[in-house]
Amino acid sequence: MILGGGYLLWYLRKRLSITVVCFGFCSLALLINSGALQSVHRYAYGIVSLSIELGLVLSSQPPWGYAVMTLFATFLLYMAVKFAACR
């Protein structure tokens, strides 16, 4: 997630604003330097610029966009049921 997000930020740096790119790289650097690498993927989901760049990539490929949305919706449903079952 960290390497892929960094690559997409670098690849799409011309299409994104400088603010989004700087925020994305600073957020990734903060995650890498935090020292807790086992739970980094949870925090990387919250970086807004990674979501924006994923949307830019998937907007040119609508079938892949639907597949990724279905995957994320399934994951969200799974986590909601898991959270609701926890007491």
N, C-alpha and C. Protein backbone atom coordinates (compact mmCIF):
# COMPACT_ATOMS: atom_id res chain seq x y z
N MET A 1 0.82 -1.19 0.00
CA MET A 1 0.00 0.00 0.00
C MET A 1 0.86 1.25 0.00
N ILE A 2 1.92 1.23 0.76
CA ILE A 2 2.80 2.40 0.84
C ILE A 2 3.55 2.59 -0.48
N LEU A 3 4.14 1.51 -0.98
CA LEU A 3 4.90 1.62 -2.23
C LEU A 3 3.99 1.93 -3.42
N GLY A 4 2.83 1.29 -3.47
CA GLY A 4 1.88 1.55 -4.55
C GLY A 4 1.33 2.97 -4.50
N GLY A 5 1.03 3.45 -3.30
CA GLY A 5 0.55 4.82 -3.15
C GLY A 5 1.61 5.84 -3.53
N GLY A 6 2.84 5.57 -3.14
CA GLY A 6 3.94 6.47 -3.51
C GLY A 6 4.17 6.49 -5.02
N TYR A 7 4.08 5.30 -5.63
CA TYR A 7 4.24 5.24 -7.08
C TYR A 7 3.13 6.01 -7.80
N LEU A 8 1.88 5.81 -7.36
CA LEU A 8 0.77 6.52 -7.99
C LEU A 8 0.87 8.02 -7.78
N LEU A 9 1.33 8.45 -6.62
CA LEU A 9 1.52 9.89 -6.40
C LEU A 9 2.56 10.44 -7.38
N TRP A 10 3.63 9.70 -7.56
CA TRP A 10 4.68 10.16 -8.47
C TRP A 10 4.19 10.11 -9.92
N TYR A 11 3.47 9.09 -10.28
CA TYR A 11 2.99 8.92 -11.66
C TYR A 11 1.95 9.98 -12.03
N LEU A 12 1.08 10.33 -11.09
CA LEU A 12 0.00 11.28 -11.35
C LEU A 12 0.30 12.69 -10.85
N ARG A 13 1.55 13.01 -10.59
CA ARG A 13 1.88 14.31 -10.02
C ARG A 13 1.53 15.47 -10.94
N LYS A 14 1.48 15.24 -12.25
CA LYS A 14 1.12 16.31 -13.20
C LYS A 14 -0.39 16.58 -13.20
N ARG A 15 -1.20 15.55 -12.91
CA ARG A 15 -2.67 15.70 -12.93
C ARG A 15 -3.24 16.16 -11.60
N LEU A 16 -2.49 15.99 -10.53
CA LEU A 16 -2.94 16.40 -9.20
C LEU A 16 -2.36 17.77 -8.85
N SER A 17 -3.01 18.46 -7.94
CA SER A 17 -2.46 19.74 -7.50
C SER A 17 -1.25 19.51 -6.61
N ILE A 18 -0.42 20.52 -6.49
CA ILE A 18 0.80 20.40 -5.70
C ILE A 18 0.46 20.16 -4.22
N THR A 19 -0.65 20.69 -3.77
CA THR A 19 -1.07 20.50 -2.38
C THR A 19 -1.39 19.04 -2.09
N VAL A 20 -2.11 18.41 -3.01
CA VAL A 20 -2.48 17.01 -2.83
C VAL A 20 -1.23 16.12 -2.86
N VAL A 21 -0.32 16.41 -3.76
CA VAL A 21 0.91 15.62 -3.88
C VAL A 21 1.77 15.77 -2.62
N CYS A 22 1.94 17.00 -2.16
CA CYS A 22 2.74 17.23 -0.94
C CYS A 22 2.10 16.57 0.27
N PHE A 23 0.78 16.69 0.40
CA PHE A 23 0.09 16.06 1.52
C PHE A 23 0.24 14.54 1.46
N GLY A 24 0.12 13.97 0.27
CA GLY A 24 0.26 12.53 0.12
C GLY A 24 1.64 12.03 0.49
N PHE A 25 2.68 12.70 -0.01
CA PHE A 25 4.04 12.27 0.31
C PHE A 25 4.37 12.49 1.79
N CYS A 26 3.91 13.59 2.37
CA CYS A 26 4.15 13.82 3.80
C CYS A 26 3.42 12.78 4.64
N SER A 27 2.21 12.42 4.26
CA SER A 27 1.46 11.40 5.00
C SER A 27 2.15 10.04 4.90
N LEU A 28 2.63 9.70 3.71
CA LEU A 28 3.34 8.42 3.55
C LEU A 28 4.64 8.43 4.34
N ALA A 29 5.36 9.54 4.34
CA ALA A 29 6.60 9.63 5.11
C ALA A 29 6.32 9.51 6.60
N LEU A 30 5.24 10.10 7.06
CA LEU A 30 4.86 10.00 8.46
C LEU A 30 4.54 8.55 8.84
N LEU A 31 3.86 7.83 7.95
CA LEU A 31 3.55 6.43 8.22
C LEU A 31 4.81 5.57 8.26
N ILE A 32 5.72 5.83 7.34
CA ILE A 32 6.95 5.03 7.29
C ILE A 32 7.80 5.29 8.53
N ASN A 33 7.85 6.52 8.99
CA ASN A 33 8.69 6.87 10.14
C ASN A 33 8.02 6.61 11.48
N SER A 34 6.79 6.15 11.48
CA SER A 34 6.09 5.91 12.75
C SER A 34 6.67 4.72 13.51
N GLY A 35 7.21 3.76 12.80
CA GLY A 35 7.81 2.61 13.45
C GLY A 35 6.86 1.43 13.62
N ALA A 36 5.57 1.65 13.53
CA ALA A 36 4.59 0.57 13.69
C ALA A 36 4.17 0.08 12.32
N LEU A 37 5.00 -0.70 11.68
CA LEU A 37 4.74 -1.11 10.30
C LEU A 37 3.69 -2.20 10.17
N GLN A 38 3.31 -2.85 11.26
CA GLN A 38 2.31 -3.91 11.16
C GLN A 38 0.91 -3.35 10.94
N SER A 39 0.63 -2.15 11.43
CA SER A 39 -0.71 -1.59 11.29
C SER A 39 -0.74 -0.38 10.36
N VAL A 40 0.28 -0.22 9.55
CA VAL A 40 0.36 0.94 8.65
C VAL A 40 -0.76 0.94 7.62
N HIS A 41 -1.17 -0.22 7.14
CA HIS A 41 -2.21 -0.27 6.10
C HIS A 41 -3.52 0.32 6.60
N ARG A 42 -3.81 0.23 7.89
CA ARG A 42 -5.04 0.82 8.42
C ARG A 42 -5.00 2.34 8.30
N TYR A 43 -3.86 2.92 8.54
CA TYR A 43 -3.73 4.37 8.47
C TYR A 43 -3.62 4.86 7.03
N ALA A 44 -3.09 4.04 6.15
CA ALA A 44 -2.94 4.44 4.75
C ALA A 44 -4.30 4.57 4.07
N TYR A 45 -5.30 3.84 4.53
CA TYR A 45 -6.64 3.96 3.95
C TYR A 45 -7.23 5.35 4.19
N GLY A 46 -6.78 6.02 5.23
CA GLY A 46 -7.31 7.34 5.56
C GLY A 46 -6.67 8.49 4.81
N ILE A 47 -5.65 8.22 4.04
CA ILE A 47 -4.99 9.29 3.28
C ILE A 47 -5.85 9.62 2.07
N VAL A 48 -6.37 10.82 2.05
CA VAL A 48 -7.33 11.21 1.02
C VAL A 48 -6.69 11.24 -0.36
N SER A 49 -5.45 11.66 -0.47
CA SER A 49 -4.83 11.76 -1.79
C SER A 49 -4.66 10.39 -2.44
N LEU A 50 -4.53 9.33 -1.67
CA LEU A 50 -4.46 7.99 -2.27
C LEU A 50 -5.80 7.61 -2.88
N SER A 51 -6.89 8.01 -2.24
CA SER A 51 -8.21 7.75 -2.79
C SER A 51 -8.45 8.55 -4.07
N ILE A 52 -7.98 9.79 -4.08
CA ILE A 52 -8.14 10.63 -5.27
C ILE A 52 -7.37 10.05 -6.45
N GLU A 53 -6.14 9.61 -6.20
CA GLU A 53 -5.36 9.07 -7.32
C GLU A 53 -5.90 7.72 -7.79
N LEU A 54 -6.43 6.92 -6.88
CA LEU A 54 -7.05 5.66 -7.30
C LEU A 54 -8.28 5.95 -8.16
N GLY A 55 -9.04 6.97 -7.80
CA GLY A 55 -10.18 7.38 -8.61
C GLY A 55 -9.77 7.86 -9.99
N LEU A 56 -8.67 8.59 -10.08
CA LEU A 56 -8.18 9.05 -11.38
C LEU A 56 -7.76 7.88 -12.26
N VAL A 57 -7.09 6.91 -11.66
CA VAL A 57 -6.64 5.75 -12.43
C VAL A 57 -7.84 4.92 -12.90
N LEU A 58 -8.81 4.71 -12.02
CA LEU A 58 -9.94 3.86 -12.36
C LEU A 58 -10.99 4.55 -13.22
N SER A 59 -10.94 5.88 -13.33
CA SER A 59 -11.92 6.58 -14.16
C SER A 59 -11.70 6.30 -15.65
N SER A 60 -10.48 5.94 -16.01
CA SER A 60 -10.23 5.61 -17.41
C SER A 60 -10.53 4.16 -17.73
N GLN A 61 -10.76 3.35 -16.71
CA GLN A 61 -11.07 1.92 -16.88
C GLN A 61 -12.34 1.58 -16.09
N PRO A 62 -13.54 1.92 -16.61
CA PRO A 62 -14.77 1.69 -15.83
C PRO A 62 -15.00 0.26 -15.35
N PRO A 63 -14.72 -0.79 -16.13
CA PRO A 63 -14.95 -2.14 -15.59
C PRO A 63 -14.09 -2.43 -14.36
N TRP A 64 -12.85 -1.98 -14.37
CA TRP A 64 -11.99 -2.17 -13.19
C TRP A 64 -12.50 -1.36 -12.02
N GLY A 65 -13.06 -0.19 -12.31
CA GLY A 65 -13.62 0.64 -11.23
C GLY A 65 -14.78 -0.06 -10.55
N TYR A 66 -15.66 -0.69 -11.34
CA TYR A 66 -16.78 -1.43 -10.74
C TYR A 66 -16.28 -2.62 -9.93
N ALA A 67 -15.25 -3.28 -10.42
CA ALA A 67 -14.70 -4.43 -9.69
C ALA A 67 -14.09 -3.99 -8.36
N VAL A 68 -13.36 -2.89 -8.37
CA VAL A 68 -12.74 -2.39 -7.14
C VAL A 68 -13.81 -1.90 -6.17
N MET A 69 -14.84 -1.23 -6.67
CA MET A 69 -15.93 -0.78 -5.80
C MET A 69 -16.64 -1.97 -5.17
N THR A 70 -16.85 -3.04 -5.92
CA THR A 70 -17.48 -4.24 -5.38
C THR A 70 -16.60 -4.88 -4.31
N LEU A 71 -15.31 -4.93 -4.57
CA LEU A 71 -14.38 -5.49 -3.59
C LEU A 71 -14.39 -4.68 -2.30
N PHE A 72 -14.33 -3.36 -2.41
CA PHE A 72 -14.34 -2.51 -1.22
C PHE A 72 -15.68 -2.58 -0.49
N ALA A 73 -16.79 -2.67 -1.23
CA ALA A 73 -18.10 -2.78 -0.59
C ALA A 73 -18.22 -4.10 0.17
N THR A 74 -17.69 -5.16 -0.41
CA THR A 74 -17.69 -6.47 0.28
C THR A 74 -16.85 -6.41 1.55
N PHE A 75 -15.70 -5.77 1.46
CA PHE A 75 -14.83 -5.63 2.62
C PHE A 75 -15.50 -4.78 3.70
N LEU A 76 -16.19 -3.71 3.29
CA LEU A 76 -16.89 -2.86 4.24
C LEU A 76 -18.02 -3.63 4.93
N LEU A 77 -18.77 -4.41 4.16
CA LEU A 77 -19.84 -5.22 4.74
C LEU A 77 -19.28 -6.24 5.72
N TYR A 78 -18.19 -6.89 5.37
CA TYR A 78 -17.54 -7.87 6.24
C TYR A 78 -17.11 -7.22 7.56
N MET A 79 -16.48 -6.05 7.46
CA MET A 79 -16.01 -5.38 8.67
C MET A 79 -17.19 -4.89 9.52
N ALA A 80 -18.29 -4.46 8.89
CA ALA A 80 -19.47 -4.00 9.63
C ALA A 80 -20.08 -5.17 10.40
N VAL A 81 -20.20 -6.32 9.77
CA VAL A 81 -20.77 -7.50 10.44
C VAL A 81 -19.84 -7.96 11.56
N LYS A 82 -18.56 -7.93 11.31
CA LYS A 82 -17.58 -8.33 12.32
C LYS A 82 -17.62 -7.38 13.53
N PHE A 83 -17.76 -6.09 13.25
CA PHE A 83 -17.84 -5.10 14.33
C PHE A 83 -19.14 -5.25 15.12
N ALA A 84 -20.24 -5.51 14.41
CA ALA A 84 -21.53 -5.65 15.09
C ALA A 84 -21.59 -6.91 15.94
N ALA A 85 -20.89 -7.95 15.54
CA ALA A 85 -20.90 -9.21 16.28
C ALA A 85 -20.02 -9.12 17.53
N CYS A 86 -19.12 -8.20 17.57
CA CYS A 86 -18.22 -8.03 18.71
C CYS A 86 -18.99 -7.38 19.87
N ARG A 87 -18.81 -7.86 21.06
CA ARG A 87 -19.54 -7.28 22.20
C ARG A 87 -18.66 -6.42 23.00
